[in-house]
Amino acid sequence: GTLRAQLRILQRGGLLGRSRYGLFVQPAGQAESQEVLVMAAERQQMMTLGSCYVISESDKEFSRDCASYVARLAGNLLCTQYLLHGKRCPRYEGQGTQREELAAFRFQKPGDAPRALRVVLPAADIE
C-alpha cells in the first residue's frame, strides 16, 4: 500500500516560546481524520548557540524523563552538523550514565553545487 507523510508545525514558538513539529502518516484511501502521529519534535532552549530538538512519540510530552521520549537532536551554531542522542543508559557499573549516539549528520555546501548530506550510523551490535 501507499503511505502519505506530512510534517506540520503544531505550535509556533514566539520570542520565548518553543516551536513544535509533528510527523503524521495517512494510509492511502483514508480520510484526513484518519491521520496518525508518528513522532513530534520540540525546539528546546539551550545555553549554547546551536539548535536542539527533543523527539517524542507524543505531541504533549517532551521531557527527557517521560516514557514517550525517543531522542535528542543537537546541532552546531551554523546548523551544518547534528548529533542524534538516544535515551540515557548505564555505561559501566558505578560510572553513571551516558547517552547513546544514534547518528551523526553533516551538511556540506561545496560552492554553487547542491548541498550534500552525510550520515554516520554506528555499527549494528549483533549478539
PDB file of N, CA and C in Angstrom:
ATOM      1  N   GLY A   1       0.813  -1.186   0.000  1.00  0.00           N
ATOM      2  CA  GLY A   1       0.000   0.000   0.000  1.00  0.00           C
ATOM      3  C   GLY A   1       0.854   1.246   0.000  1.00  0.00           C
ATOM      4  N   THR A   2       0.210   2.344  -0.111  1.00  0.00           N
ATOM      5  CA  THR A   2       0.880   3.640  -0.138  1.00  0.00           C
ATOM      6  C   THR A   2       0.628   4.373   1.174  1.00  0.00           C
ATOM      7  N   LEU A   3       1.628   5.083   1.624  1.00  0.00           N
ATOM      8  CA  LEU A   3       1.542   5.863   2.850  1.00  0.00           C
ATOM      9  C   LEU A   3       1.881   7.308   2.520  1.00  0.00           C
ATOM     10  N   ARG A   4       1.069   8.235   2.970  1.00  0.00           N
ATOM     11  CA  ARG A   4       1.345   9.644   2.760  1.00  0.00           C
ATOM     12  C   ARG A   4       1.821  10.227   4.080  1.00  0.00           C
ATOM     13  N   ALA A   5       2.965  10.902   4.076  1.00  0.00           N
ATOM     14  CA  ALA A   5       3.504  11.511   5.290  1.00  0.00           C
ATOM     15  C   ALA A   5       3.482  13.020   5.141  1.00  0.00           C
ATOM     16  N   GLN A   6       3.269  13.693   6.252  1.00  0.00           N
ATOM     17  CA  GLN A   6       3.217  15.152   6.234  1.00  0.00           C
ATOM     18  C   GLN A   6       3.827  15.679   7.527  1.00  0.00           C
ATOM     19  N   LEU A   7       4.735  16.624   7.391  1.00  0.00           N
ATOM     20  CA  LEU A   7       5.343  17.292   8.537  1.00  0.00           C
ATOM     21  C   LEU A   7       4.644  18.621   8.716  1.00  0.00           C
ATOM     22  N   ARG A   8       4.084  18.857   9.904  1.00  0.00           N
ATOM     23  CA  ARG A   8       3.336  20.089  10.158  1.00  0.00           C
ATOM     24  C   ARG A   8       3.863  20.789  11.395  1.00  0.00           C
ATOM     25  N   ILE A   9       3.713  22.098  11.393  1.00  0.00           N
ATOM     26  CA  ILE A   9       4.027  22.883  12.576  1.00  0.00           C
ATOM     27  C   ILE A   9       2.814  22.806  13.496  1.00  0.00           C
ATOM     28  N   LEU A  10       3.009  22.281  14.686  1.00  0.00           N
ATOM     29  CA  LEU A  10       1.918  22.151  15.652  1.00  0.00           C
ATOM     30  C   LEU A  10       1.745  23.427  16.458  1.00  0.00           C
ATOM     31  N   GLN A  11       2.868  24.075  16.771  1.00  0.00           N
ATOM     32  CA  GLN A  11       2.834  25.301  17.568  1.00  0.00           C
ATOM     33  C   GLN A  11       4.046  26.135  17.194  1.00  0.00           C
ATOM     34  N   ARG A  12       3.795  27.393  16.871  1.00  0.00           N
ATOM     35  CA  ARG A  12       4.904  28.285  16.554  1.00  0.00           C
ATOM     36  C   ARG A  12       5.441  28.889  17.840  1.00  0.00           C
ATOM     37  N   GLY A  13       6.747  28.872  17.967  1.00  0.00           N
ATOM     38  CA  GLY A  13       7.375  29.480  19.131  1.00  0.00           C
ATOM     39  C   GLY A  13       7.588  30.952  18.868  1.00  0.00           C
ATOM     40  N   GLY A  14       7.164  31.774  19.766  1.00  0.00           N
ATOM     41  CA  GLY A  14       7.374  33.215  19.639  1.00  0.00           C
ATOM     42  C   GLY A  14       8.764  33.568  20.113  1.00  0.00           C
ATOM     43  N   LEU A  15       8.876  34.726  20.716  1.00  0.00           N
ATOM     44  CA  LEU A  15      10.171  35.175  21.207  1.00  0.00           C
ATOM     45  C   LEU A  15      10.696  34.232  22.284  1.00  0.00           C
ATOM     46  N   LEU A  16       9.849  33.825  23.200  1.00  0.00           N
ATOM     47  CA  LEU A  16      10.272  32.939  24.276  1.00  0.00           C
ATOM     48  C   LEU A  16       9.631  31.556  24.190  1.00  0.00           C
ATOM     49  N   GLY A  17       8.753  31.337  23.221  1.00  0.00           N
ATOM     50  CA  GLY A  17       8.048  30.065  23.110  1.00  0.00           C
ATOM     51  C   GLY A  17       8.884  29.004  22.424  1.00  0.00           C
ATOM     52  N   ARG A  18       8.380  27.794  22.442  1.00  0.00           N
ATOM     53  CA  ARG A  18       9.059  26.663  21.822  1.00  0.00           C
ATOM     54  C   ARG A  18       8.234  26.175  20.641  1.00  0.00           C
ATOM     55  N   SER A  19       8.872  26.049  19.499  1.00  0.00           N
ATOM     56  CA  SER A  19       8.182  25.531  18.315  1.00  0.00           C
ATOM     57  C   SER A  19       8.030  24.029  18.433  1.00  0.00           C
ATOM     58  N   ARG A  20       6.882  23.512  17.974  1.00  0.00           N
ATOM     59  CA  ARG A  20       6.623  22.077  17.972  1.00  0.00           C
ATOM     60  C   ARG A  20       6.247  21.636  16.568  1.00  0.00           C
ATOM     61  N   TYR A  21       6.766  20.474  16.164  1.00  0.00           N
ATOM     62  CA  TYR A  21       6.516  19.928  14.839  1.00  0.00           C
ATOM     63  C   TYR A  21       5.994  18.509  14.983  1.00  0.00           C
ATOM     64  N   GLY A  22       5.119  18.086  14.082  1.00  0.00           N
ATOM     65  CA  GLY A  22       4.577  16.733  14.117  1.00  0.00           C
ATOM     66  C   GLY A  22       4.710  16.052  12.776  1.00  0.00           C
ATOM     67  N   LEU A  23       5.039  14.768  12.785  1.00  0.00           N
ATOM     68  CA  LEU A  23       5.103  13.960  11.578  1.00  0.00           C
ATOM     69  C   LEU A  23       3.900  13.024  11.591  1.00  0.00           C
ATOM     70  N   PHE A  24       3.009  13.220  10.633  1.00  0.00           N
ATOM     71  CA  PHE A  24       1.780  12.441  10.544  1.00  0.00           C
ATOM     72  C   PHE A  24       1.827  11.560   9.312  1.00  0.00           C
ATOM     73  N   VAL A  25       1.235  10.364   9.396  1.00  0.00           N
ATOM     74  CA  VAL A  25       1.089   9.495   8.226  1.00  0.00           C
ATOM     75  C   VAL A  25      -0.388   9.199   8.029  1.00  0.00           C
ATOM     76  N   GLN A  26      -0.725   8.969   6.787  1.00  0.00           N
ATOM     77  CA  GLN A  26      -2.114   8.676   6.426  1.00  0.00           C
ATOM     78  C   GLN A  26      -2.096   7.545   5.404  1.00  0.00           C
ATOM     79  N   PRO A  27      -2.696   6.386   5.723  1.00  0.00           N
ATOM     80  CA  PRO A  27      -2.760   5.303   4.739  1.00  0.00           C
ATOM     81  C   PRO A  27      -3.541   5.742   3.496  1.00  0.00           C
ATOM     82  N   ALA A  28      -3.159   5.210   2.346  1.00  0.00           N
ATOM     83  CA  ALA A  28      -3.827   5.573   1.089  1.00  0.00           C
ATOM     84  C   ALA A  28      -5.303   5.233   1.158  1.00  0.00           C
ATOM     85  N   GLY A  29      -6.128   6.121   0.656  1.00  0.00           N
ATOM     86  CA  GLY A  29      -7.565   5.894   0.603  1.00  0.00           C
ATOM     87  C   GLY A  29      -8.299   6.234   1.890  1.00  0.00           C
ATOM     88  N   GLN A  30      -7.611   6.708   2.901  1.00  0.00           N
ATOM     89  CA  GLN A  30      -8.239   7.060   4.170  1.00  0.00           C
ATOM     90  C   GLN A  30      -8.508   8.561   4.217  1.00  0.00           C
ATOM     91  N   ALA A  31      -9.479   8.952   5.008  1.00  0.00           N
ATOM     92  CA  ALA A  31      -9.802  10.370   5.177  1.00  0.00           C
ATOM     93  C   ALA A  31      -8.720  11.050   6.012  1.00  0.00           C
ATOM     94  N   GLU A  32      -8.647  12.388   5.900  1.00  0.00           N
ATOM     95  CA  GLU A  32      -7.629  13.115   6.652  1.00  0.00           C
ATOM     96  C   GLU A  32      -7.802  12.948   8.155  1.00  0.00           C
ATOM     97  N   SER A  33      -9.002  12.643   8.605  1.00  0.00           N
ATOM     98  CA  SER A  33      -9.229  12.432  10.032  1.00  0.00           C
ATOM     99  C   SER A  33      -8.589  11.123  10.517  1.00  0.00           C
ATOM    100  N   GLN A  34      -8.136  10.282   9.590  1.00  0.00           N
ATOM    101  CA  GLN A  34      -7.506   9.006   9.928  1.00  0.00           C
ATOM    102  C   GLN A  34      -5.993   9.129  10.093  1.00  0.00           C
ATOM    103  N   GLU A  35      -5.468  10.351  10.126  1.00  0.00           N
ATOM    104  CA  GLU A  35      -4.024  10.545  10.265  1.00  0.00           C
ATOM    105  C   GLU A  35      -3.543  10.046  11.622  1.00  0.00           C
ATOM    106  N   VAL A  36      -2.318   9.539  11.632  1.00  0.00           N
ATOM    107  CA  VAL A  36      -1.714   9.014  12.846  1.00  0.00           C
ATOM    108  C   VAL A  36      -0.404   9.767  13.097  1.00  0.00           C
ATOM    109  N   LEU A  37      -0.202  10.220  14.325  1.00  0.00           N
ATOM    110  CA  LEU A  37       1.045  10.889  14.695  1.00  0.00           C
ATOM    111  C   LEU A  37       2.132   9.846  14.878  1.00  0.00           C
ATOM    112  N   VAL A  38       3.221   9.962  14.136  1.00  0.00           N
ATOM    113  CA  VAL A  38       4.340   9.035  14.258  1.00  0.00           C
ATOM    114  C   VAL A  38       5.303   9.533  15.323  1.00  0.00           C
ATOM    115  N   MET A  39       5.671  10.802  15.225  1.00  0.00           N
ATOM    116  CA  MET A  39       6.543  11.416  16.221  1.00  0.00           C
ATOM    117  C   MET A  39       6.390  12.918  16.170  1.00  0.00           C
ATOM    118  N   ALA A  40       6.835  13.555  17.231  1.00  0.00           N
ATOM    119  CA  ALA A  40       6.785  15.009  17.318  1.00  0.00           C
ATOM    120  C   ALA A  40       8.125  15.510  17.828  1.00  0.00           C
ATOM    121  N   ALA A  41       8.448  16.755  17.534  1.00  0.00           N
ATOM    122  CA  ALA A  41       9.698  17.356  17.997  1.00  0.00           C
ATOM    123  C   ALA A  41       9.415  18.741  18.543  1.00  0.00           C
ATOM    124  N   GLU A  42      10.169  19.107  19.562  1.00  0.00           N
ATOM    125  CA  GLU A  42      10.041  20.430  20.163  1.00  0.00           C
ATOM    126  C   GLU A  42      11.419  21.061  20.239  1.00  0.00           C
ATOM    127  N   ARG A  43      11.520  22.300  19.788  1.00  0.00           N
ATOM    128  CA  ARG A  43      12.791  23.012  19.876  1.00  0.00           C
ATOM    129  C   ARG A  43      12.995  23.445  21.319  1.00  0.00           C
ATOM    130  N   GLN A  44      14.141  23.097  21.877  1.00  0.00           N
ATOM    131  CA  GLN A  44      14.457  23.404  23.261  1.00  0.00           C
ATOM    132  C   GLN A  44      15.350  24.638  23.338  1.00  0.00           C
ATOM    133  N   GLN A  45      15.242  25.338  24.438  1.00  0.00           N
ATOM    134  CA  GLN A  45      16.121  26.474  24.691  1.00  0.00           C
ATOM    135  C   GLN A  45      17.415  25.927  25.277  1.00  0.00           C
ATOM    136  N   MET A  46      18.528  26.369  24.746  1.00  0.00           N
ATOM    137  CA  MET A  46      19.828  25.882  25.224  1.00  0.00           C
ATOM    138  C   MET A  46      20.688  27.056  25.652  1.00  0.00           C
ATOM    139  N   MET A  47      21.690  26.768  26.452  1.00  0.00           N
ATOM    140  CA  MET A  47      22.650  27.783  26.866  1.00  0.00           C
ATOM    141  C   MET A  47      23.648  28.060  25.739  1.00  0.00           C
ATOM    142  N   THR A  48      23.838  27.110  24.829  1.00  0.00           N
ATOM    143  CA  THR A  48      24.740  27.305  23.702  1.00  0.00           C
ATOM    144  C   THR A  48      23.955  27.925  22.542  1.00  0.00           C
ATOM    145  N   LEU A  49      24.652  28.293  21.495  1.00  0.00           N
ATOM    146  CA  LEU A  49      24.014  28.964  20.371  1.00  0.00           C
ATOM    147  C   LEU A  49      23.467  28.005  19.307  1.00  0.00           C
ATOM    148  N   GLY A  50      23.744  26.735  19.438  1.00  0.00           N
ATOM    149  CA  GLY A  50      23.246  25.770  18.464  1.00  0.00           C
ATOM    150  C   GLY A  50      21.772  25.470  18.676  1.00  0.00           C
ATOM    151  N   SER A  51      21.224  24.637  17.814  1.00  0.00           N
ATOM    152  CA  SER A  51      19.820  24.261  17.936  1.00  0.00           C
ATOM    153  C   SER A  51      19.710  22.883  18.578  1.00  0.00           C
ATOM    154  N   CYS A  52      18.613  22.659  19.287  1.00  0.00           N
ATOM    155  CA  CYS A  52      18.389  21.386  19.970  1.00  0.00           C
ATOM    156  C   CYS A  52      16.902  21.051  19.901  1.00  0.00           C
ATOM    157  N   TYR A  53      16.587  19.825  19.516  1.00  0.00           N
ATOM    158  CA  TYR A  53      15.203  19.364  19.421  1.00  0.00           C
ATOM    159  C   TYR A  53      15.052  18.091  20.237  1.00  0.00           C
ATOM    160  N   VAL A  54      13.963  17.981  20.976  1.00  0.00           N
ATOM    161  CA  VAL A  54      13.621  16.751  21.677  1.00  0.00           C
ATOM    162  C   VAL A  54      12.560  16.044  20.842  1.00  0.00           C
ATOM    163  N   ILE A  55      12.792  14.767  20.525  1.00  0.00           N
ATOM    164  CA  ILE A  55      11.881  13.985  19.699  1.00  0.00           C
ATOM    165  C   ILE A  55      11.119  13.029  20.605  1.00  0.00           C
ATOM    166  N   SER A  56       9.798  13.001  20.435  1.00  0.00           N
ATOM    167  CA  SER A  56       8.930  12.230  21.313  1.00  0.00           C
ATOM    168  C   SER A  56       7.865  11.511  20.492  1.00  0.00           C
ATOM    169  N   GLU A  57       7.283  10.475  21.072  1.00  0.00           N
ATOM    170  CA  GLU A  57       6.169   9.775  20.440  1.00  0.00           C
ATOM    171  C   GLU A  57       4.849  10.477  20.708  1.00  0.00           C
ATOM    172  N   SER A  58       4.857  11.450  21.599  1.00  0.00           N
ATOM    173  CA  SER A  58       3.654  12.198  21.971  1.00  0.00           C
ATOM    174  C   SER A  58       3.816  13.654  21.568  1.00  0.00           C
ATOM    175  N   ASP A  59       2.719  14.310  21.232  1.00  0.00           N
ATOM    176  CA  ASP A  59       2.809  15.731  20.901  1.00  0.00           C
ATOM    177  C   ASP A  59       2.577  16.610  22.131  1.00  0.00           C
ATOM    178  N   LYS A  60       2.472  15.996  23.312  1.00  0.00           N
ATOM    179  CA  LYS A  60       2.247  16.742  24.553  1.00  0.00           C
ATOM    180  C   LYS A  60       3.421  16.661  25.524  1.00  0.00           C
ATOM    181  N   GLU A  61       4.136  15.535  25.534  1.00  0.00           N
ATOM    182  CA  GLU A  61       5.225  15.295  26.490  1.00  0.00           C
ATOM    183  C   GLU A  61       6.579  15.402  25.797  1.00  0.00           C
ATOM    184  N   PHE A  62       7.449  16.287  26.311  1.00  0.00           N
ATOM    185  CA  PHE A  62       8.774  16.448  25.725  1.00  0.00           C
ATOM    186  C   PHE A  62       9.876  16.412  26.771  1.00  0.00           C
ATOM    187  N   SER A  63       9.573  15.891  27.940  1.00  0.00           N
ATOM    188  CA  SER A  63      10.564  15.758  28.997  1.00  0.00           C
ATOM    189  C   SER A  63      11.466  14.571  28.682  1.00  0.00           C
ATOM    190  N   ARG A  64      12.729  14.676  29.037  1.00  0.00           N
ATOM    191  CA  ARG A  64      13.652  13.563  28.793  1.00  0.00           C
ATOM    192  C   ARG A  64      13.365  12.374  29.698  1.00  0.00           C
ATOM    193  N   ASP A  65      12.572  12.580  30.746  1.00  0.00           N
ATOM    194  CA  ASP A  65      12.262  11.504  31.690  1.00  0.00           C
ATOM    195  C   ASP A  65      10.947  10.801  31.382  1.00  0.00           C
ATOM    196  N   CYS A  66      10.169  11.285  30.419  1.00  0.00           N
ATOM    197  CA  CYS A  66       8.859  10.688  30.144  1.00  0.00           C
ATOM    198  C   CYS A  66       9.020   9.415  29.307  1.00  0.00           C
ATOM    199  N   ALA A  67       7.997   8.579  29.335  1.00  0.00           N
ATOM    200  CA  ALA A  67       8.033   7.285  28.630  1.00  0.00           C
ATOM    201  C   ALA A  67       8.024   7.452  27.116  1.00  0.00           C
ATOM    202  N   SER A  68       7.519   8.570  26.606  1.00  0.00           N
ATOM    203  CA  SER A  68       7.417   8.760  25.159  1.00  0.00           C
ATOM    204  C   SER A  68       8.676   9.387  24.544  1.00  0.00           C
ATOM    205  N   TYR A  69       9.680   9.681  25.369  1.00  0.00           N
ATOM    206  CA  TYR A  69      10.935  10.277  24.880  1.00  0.00           C
ATOM    207  C   TYR A  69      11.641   9.297  23.951  1.00  0.00           C
ATOM    208  N   VAL A  70      12.084   9.788  22.778  1.00  0.00           N
ATOM    209  CA  VAL A  70      12.780   8.950  21.804  1.00  0.00           C
ATOM    210  C   VAL A  70      14.247   9.341  21.702  1.00  0.00           C
ATOM    211  N   ALA A  71      14.510  10.619  21.437  1.00  0.00           N
ATOM    212  CA  ALA A  71      15.890  11.047  21.205  1.00  0.00           C
ATOM    213  C   ALA A  71      16.004  12.563  21.309  1.00  0.00           C
ATOM    214  N   ARG A  72      17.237  13.026  21.221  1.00  0.00           N
ATOM    215  CA  ARG A  72      17.542  14.456  21.236  1.00  0.00           C
ATOM    216  C   ARG A  72      18.456  14.742  20.043  1.00  0.00           C
ATOM    217  N   LEU A  73      18.095  15.745  19.242  1.00  0.00           N
ATOM    218  CA  LEU A  73      18.883  16.134  18.074  1.00  0.00           C
ATOM    219  C   LEU A  73      19.517  17.481  18.365  1.00  0.00           C
ATOM    220  N   ALA A  74      20.846  17.524  18.434  1.00  0.00           N
ATOM    221  CA  ALA A  74      21.559  18.758  18.759  1.00  0.00           C
ATOM    222  C   ALA A  74      22.425  19.173  17.578  1.00  0.00           C
ATOM    223  N   GLY A  75      22.370  20.467  17.236  1.00  0.00           N
ATOM    224  CA  GLY A  75      23.135  20.991  16.111  1.00  0.00           C
ATOM    225  C   GLY A  75      24.131  22.051  16.541  1.00  0.00           C
ATOM    226  N   ASN A  76      25.099  22.308  15.671  1.00  0.00           N
ATOM    227  CA  ASN A  76      26.081  23.341  15.973  1.00  0.00           C
ATOM    228  C   ASN A  76      25.536  24.715  15.590  1.00  0.00           C
ATOM    229  N   LEU A  77      26.335  25.748  15.801  1.00  0.00           N
ATOM    230  CA  LEU A  77      25.907  27.127  15.567  1.00  0.00           C
ATOM    231  C   LEU A  77      25.498  27.368  14.117  1.00  0.00           C
ATOM    232  N   LEU A  78      26.208  26.791  13.173  1.00  0.00           N
ATOM    233  CA  LEU A  78      25.922  27.006  11.752  1.00  0.00           C
ATOM    234  C   LEU A  78      24.853  26.060  11.209  1.00  0.00           C
ATOM    235  N   CYS A  79      24.364  25.156  12.052  1.00  0.00           N
ATOM    236  CA  CYS A  79      23.367  24.150  11.644  1.00  0.00           C
ATOM    237  C   CYS A  79      23.864  23.307  10.468  1.00  0.00           C
ATOM    238  N   THR A  80      25.140  22.967  10.503  1.00  0.00           N
ATOM    239  CA  THR A  80      25.716  22.114   9.465  1.00  0.00           C
ATOM    240  C   THR A  80      26.029  20.724   9.993  1.00  0.00           C
ATOM    241  N   GLN A  81      26.100  20.559  11.314  1.00  0.00           N
ATOM    242  CA  GLN A  81      26.388  19.269  11.921  1.00  0.00           C
ATOM    243  C   GLN A  81      25.385  19.001  13.034  1.00  0.00           C
ATOM    244  N   TYR A  82      24.846  17.791  13.056  1.00  0.00           N
ATOM    245  CA  TYR A  82      23.865  17.396  14.059  1.00  0.00           C
ATOM    246  C   TYR A  82      24.239  16.043  14.645  1.00  0.00           C
ATOM    247  N   LEU A  83      23.959  15.848  15.926  1.00  0.00           N
ATOM    248  CA  LEU A  83      24.117  14.554  16.586  1.00  0.00           C
ATOM    249  C   LEU A  83      22.773  14.123  17.135  1.00  0.00           C
ATOM    250  N   LEU A  84      22.416  12.876  16.921  1.00  0.00           N
ATOM    251  CA  LEU A  84      21.180  12.311  17.438  1.00  0.00           C
ATOM    252  C   LEU A  84      21.533  11.405  18.607  1.00  0.00           C
ATOM    253  N   HIS A  85      21.087  11.786  19.808  1.00  0.00           N
ATOM    254  CA  HIS A  85      21.367  11.033  21.027  1.00  0.00           C
ATOM    255  C   HIS A  85      20.104  10.326  21.484  1.00  0.00           C
ATOM    256  N   GLY A  86      20.235   9.079  21.908  1.00  0.00           N
ATOM    257  CA  GLY A  86      19.109   8.318  22.423  1.00  0.00           C
ATOM    258  C   GLY A  86      18.928   8.544  23.914  1.00  0.00           C
ATOM    259  N   LYS A  87      18.225   7.636  24.550  1.00  0.00           N
ATOM    260  CA  LYS A  87      17.985   7.716  25.983  1.00  0.00           C
ATOM    261  C   LYS A  87      19.277   7.457  26.742  1.00  0.00           C
ATOM    262  N   ARG A  88      19.299   7.935  27.973  1.00  0.00           N
ATOM    263  CA  ARG A  88      20.458   7.662  28.824  1.00  0.00           C
ATOM    264  C   ARG A  88      20.462   6.184  29.193  1.00  0.00           C
ATOM    265  N   CYS A  89      21.649   5.584  29.174  1.00  0.00           N
ATOM    266  CA  CYS A  89      21.764   4.186  29.546  1.00  0.00           C
ATOM    267  C   CYS A  89      22.995   4.022  30.420  1.00  0.00           C
ATOM    268  N   PRO A  90      22.999   3.026  31.304  1.00  0.00           N
ATOM    269  CA  PRO A  90      24.168   2.837  32.160  1.00  0.00           C
ATOM    270  C   PRO A  90      25.381   2.480  31.320  1.00  0.00           C
ATOM    271  N   ARG A  91      26.478   3.173  31.569  1.00  0.00           N
ATOM    272  CA  ARG A  91      27.695   2.942  30.801  1.00  0.00           C
ATOM    273  C   ARG A  91      28.431   1.724  31.350  1.00  0.00           C
ATOM    274  N   TYR A  92      28.905   1.830  32.542  1.00  0.00           N
ATOM    275  CA  TYR A  92      29.536   0.724  33.252  1.00  0.00           C
ATOM    276  C   TYR A  92      29.055   0.785  34.693  1.00  0.00           C
ATOM    277  N   GLU A  93      29.151  -0.303  35.392  1.00  0.00           N
ATOM    278  CA  GLU A  93      28.680  -0.319  36.776  1.00  0.00           C
ATOM    279  C   GLU A  93      29.400   0.745  37.589  1.00  0.00           C
ATOM    280  N   GLY A  94      28.613   1.594  38.247  1.00  0.00           N
ATOM    281  CA  GLY A  94      29.180   2.601  39.132  1.00  0.00           C
ATOM    282  C   GLY A  94      29.753   3.819  38.444  1.00  0.00           C
ATOM    283  N   GLN A  95      29.648   3.922  37.118  1.00  0.00           N
ATOM    284  CA  GLN A  95      30.223   5.069  36.413  1.00  0.00           C
ATOM    285  C   GLN A  95      29.179   5.997  35.824  1.00  0.00           C
ATOM    286  N   GLY A  96      27.967   5.983  36.349  1.00  0.00           N
ATOM    287  CA  GLY A  96      26.943   6.911  35.874  1.00  0.00           C
ATOM    288  C   GLY A  96      26.304   6.461  34.575  1.00  0.00           C
ATOM    289  N   THR A  97      25.738   7.440  33.875  1.00  0.00           N
ATOM    290  CA  THR A  97      25.036   7.139  32.629  1.00  0.00           C
ATOM    291  C   THR A  97      25.605   7.943  31.479  1.00  0.00           C
ATOM    292  N   GLN A  98      25.328   7.495  30.290  1.00  0.00           N
ATOM    293  CA  GLN A  98      25.777   8.167  29.079  1.00  0.00           C
ATOM    294  C   GLN A  98      24.706   8.010  28.024  1.00  0.00           C
ATOM    295  N   ARG A  99      24.521   9.032  27.184  1.00  0.00           N
ATOM    296  CA  ARG A  99      23.567   8.926  26.084  1.00  0.00           C
ATOM    297  C   ARG A  99      24.209   8.177  24.933  1.00  0.00           C
ATOM    298  N   GLU A 100      23.420   7.297  24.333  1.00  0.00           N
ATOM    299  CA  GLU A 100      23.898   6.550  23.183  1.00  0.00           C
ATOM    300  C   GLU A 100      23.803   7.433  21.943  1.00  0.00           C
ATOM    301  N   GLU A 101      24.871   7.504  21.152  1.00  0.00           N
ATOM    302  CA  GLU A 101      24.844   8.263  19.900  1.00  0.00           C
ATOM    303  C   GLU A 101      24.230   7.377  18.825  1.00  0.00           C
ATOM    304  N   LEU A 102      23.090   7.820  18.290  1.00  0.00           N
ATOM    305  CA  LEU A 102      22.368   7.024  17.298  1.00  0.00           C
ATOM    306  C   LEU A 102      22.781   7.361  15.876  1.00  0.00           C
ATOM    307  N   ALA A 103      23.145   8.619  15.618  1.00  0.00           N
ATOM    308  CA  ALA A 103      23.529   9.024  14.264  1.00  0.00           C
ATOM    309  C   ALA A 103      24.195  10.391  14.301  1.00  0.00           C
ATOM    310  N   ALA A 104      24.950  10.676  13.256  1.00  0.00           N
ATOM    311  CA  ALA A 104      25.546  11.996  13.062  1.00  0.00           C
ATOM    312  C   ALA A 104      25.216  12.429  11.637  1.00  0.00           C
ATOM    313  N   PHE A 105      24.884  13.709  11.476  1.00  0.00           N
ATOM    314  CA  PHE A 105      24.521  14.265  10.166  1.00  0.00           C
ATOM    315  C   PHE A 105      25.414  15.465   9.885  1.00  0.00           C
ATOM    316  N   ARG A 106      25.864  15.585   8.638  1.00  0.00           N
ATOM    317  CA  ARG A 106      26.695  16.730   8.255  1.00  0.00           C
ATOM    318  C   ARG A 106      26.264  17.218   6.881  1.00  0.00           C
ATOM    319  N   PHE A 107      25.935  18.511   6.828  1.00  0.00           N
ATOM    320  CA  PHE A 107      25.574  19.143   5.561  1.00  0.00           C
ATOM    321  C   PHE A 107      26.807  19.854   5.017  1.00  0.00           C
ATOM    322  N   GLN A 108      27.059  19.711   3.711  1.00  0.00           N
ATOM    323  CA  GLN A 108      28.162  20.410   3.057  1.00  0.00           C
ATOM    324  C   GLN A 108      27.622  21.149   1.851  1.00  0.00           C
ATOM    325  N   LYS A 109      28.107  22.355   1.656  1.00  0.00           N
ATOM    326  CA  LYS A 109      27.702  23.173   0.505  1.00  0.00           C
ATOM    327  C   LYS A 109      28.962  23.549  -0.257  1.00  0.00           C
ATOM    328  N   PRO A 110      29.395  22.699  -1.206  1.00  0.00           N
ATOM    329  CA  PRO A 110      30.606  22.999  -1.968  1.00  0.00           C
ATOM    330  C   PRO A 110      30.333  23.999  -3.095  1.00  0.00           C
ATOM    331  N   GLY A 111      30.605  25.268  -2.872  1.00  0.00           N
ATOM    332  CA  GLY A 111      30.408  26.289  -3.904  1.00  0.00           C
ATOM    333  C   GLY A 111      28.961  26.436  -4.321  1.00  0.00           C
ATOM    334  N   ASP A 112      28.717  26.400  -5.639  1.00  0.00           N
ATOM    335  CA  ASP A 112      27.365  26.559  -6.167  1.00  0.00           C
ATOM    336  C   ASP A 112      26.615  25.232  -6.280  1.00  0.00           C
ATOM    337  N   ALA A 113      27.266  24.145  -5.924  1.00  0.00           N
ATOM    338  CA  ALA A 113      26.628  22.821  -6.044  1.00  0.00           C
ATOM    339  C   ALA A 113      25.543  22.661  -4.979  1.00  0.00           C
ATOM    340  N   PRO A 114      24.610  21.758  -5.205  1.00  0.00           N
ATOM    341  CA  PRO A 114      23.590  21.495  -4.178  1.00  0.00           C
ATOM    342  C   PRO A 114      24.226  20.949  -2.901  1.00  0.00           C
ATOM    343  N   ARG A 115      23.534  21.131  -1.807  1.00  0.00           N
ATOM    344  CA  ARG A 115      24.032  20.633  -0.529  1.00  0.00           C
ATOM    345  C   ARG A 115      24.120  19.118  -0.530  1.00  0.00           C
ATOM    346  N   ALA A 116      25.130  18.606   0.127  1.00  0.00           N
ATOM    347  CA  ALA A 116      25.287  17.161   0.282  1.00  0.00           C
ATOM    348  C   ALA A 116      25.075  16.816   1.756  1.00  0.00           C
ATOM    349  N   LEU A 117      24.414  15.713   2.007  1.00  0.00           N
ATOM    350  CA  LEU A 117      24.165  15.255   3.372  1.00  0.00           C
ATOM    351  C   LEU A 117      24.931  13.966   3.588  1.00  0.00           C
ATOM    352  N   ARG A 118      25.758  13.954   4.624  1.00  0.00           N
ATOM    353  CA  ARG A 118      26.468  12.740   5.005  1.00  0.00           C
ATOM    354  C   ARG A 118      25.896  12.256   6.329  1.00  0.00           C
ATOM    355  N   VAL A 119      25.630  10.970   6.398  1.00  0.00           N
ATOM    356  CA  VAL A 119      25.049  10.368   7.595  1.00  0.00           C
ATOM    357  C   VAL A 119      26.005   9.292   8.092  1.00  0.00           C
ATOM    358  N   VAL A 120      26.290   9.321   9.395  1.00  0.00           N
ATOM    359  CA  VAL A 120      27.137   8.317  10.027  1.00  0.00           C
ATOM    360  C   VAL A 120      26.272   7.564  11.025  1.00  0.00           C
ATOM    361  N   LEU A 121      26.214   6.248  10.860  1.00  0.00           N
ATOM    362  CA  LEU A 121      25.457   5.387  11.763  1.00  0.00           C
ATOM    363  C   LEU A 121      26.405   4.440  12.460  1.00  0.00           C
ATOM    364  N   PRO A 122      26.179   4.137  13.736  1.00  0.00           N
ATOM    365  CA  PRO A 122      27.056   3.176  14.420  1.00  0.00           C
ATOM    366  C   PRO A 122      26.851   1.775  13.874  1.00  0.00           C
ATOM    367  N   ALA A 123      27.862   0.949  14.024  1.00  0.00           N
ATOM    368  CA  ALA A 123      27.750  -0.439  13.579  1.00  0.00           C
ATOM    369  C   ALA A 123      26.717  -1.170  14.406  1.00  0.00           C
ATOM    370  N   ALA A 124      26.003  -2.080  13.771  1.00  0.00           N
ATOM    371  CA  ALA A 124      24.979  -2.859  14.483  1.00  0.00           C
ATOM    372  C   ALA A 124      25.661  -3.844  15.415  1.00  0.00           C
ATOM    373  N   ASP A 125      25.135  -3.943  16.627  1.00  0.00           N
ATOM    374  CA  ASP A 125      25.656  -4.870  17.620  1.00  0.00           C
ATOM    375  C   ASP A 125      24.878  -6.168  17.502  1.00  0.00           C
ATOM    376  N   ILE A 126      25.482  -7.165  16.859  1.00  0.00           N
ATOM    377  CA  ILE A 126      24.794  -8.429  16.617  1.00  0.00           C
ATOM    378  C   ILE A 126      25.209  -9.426  17.694  1.00  0.00           C
ATOM    379  N   GLU A 127      24.260  -9.762  18.540  1.00  0.00           N
ATOM    380  CA  GLU A 127      24.519 -10.755  19.595  1.00  0.00           C
ATOM    381  C   GLU A 127      23.341 -11.652  19.763  1.00  0.00           C
TER     382      GLU A 127
END
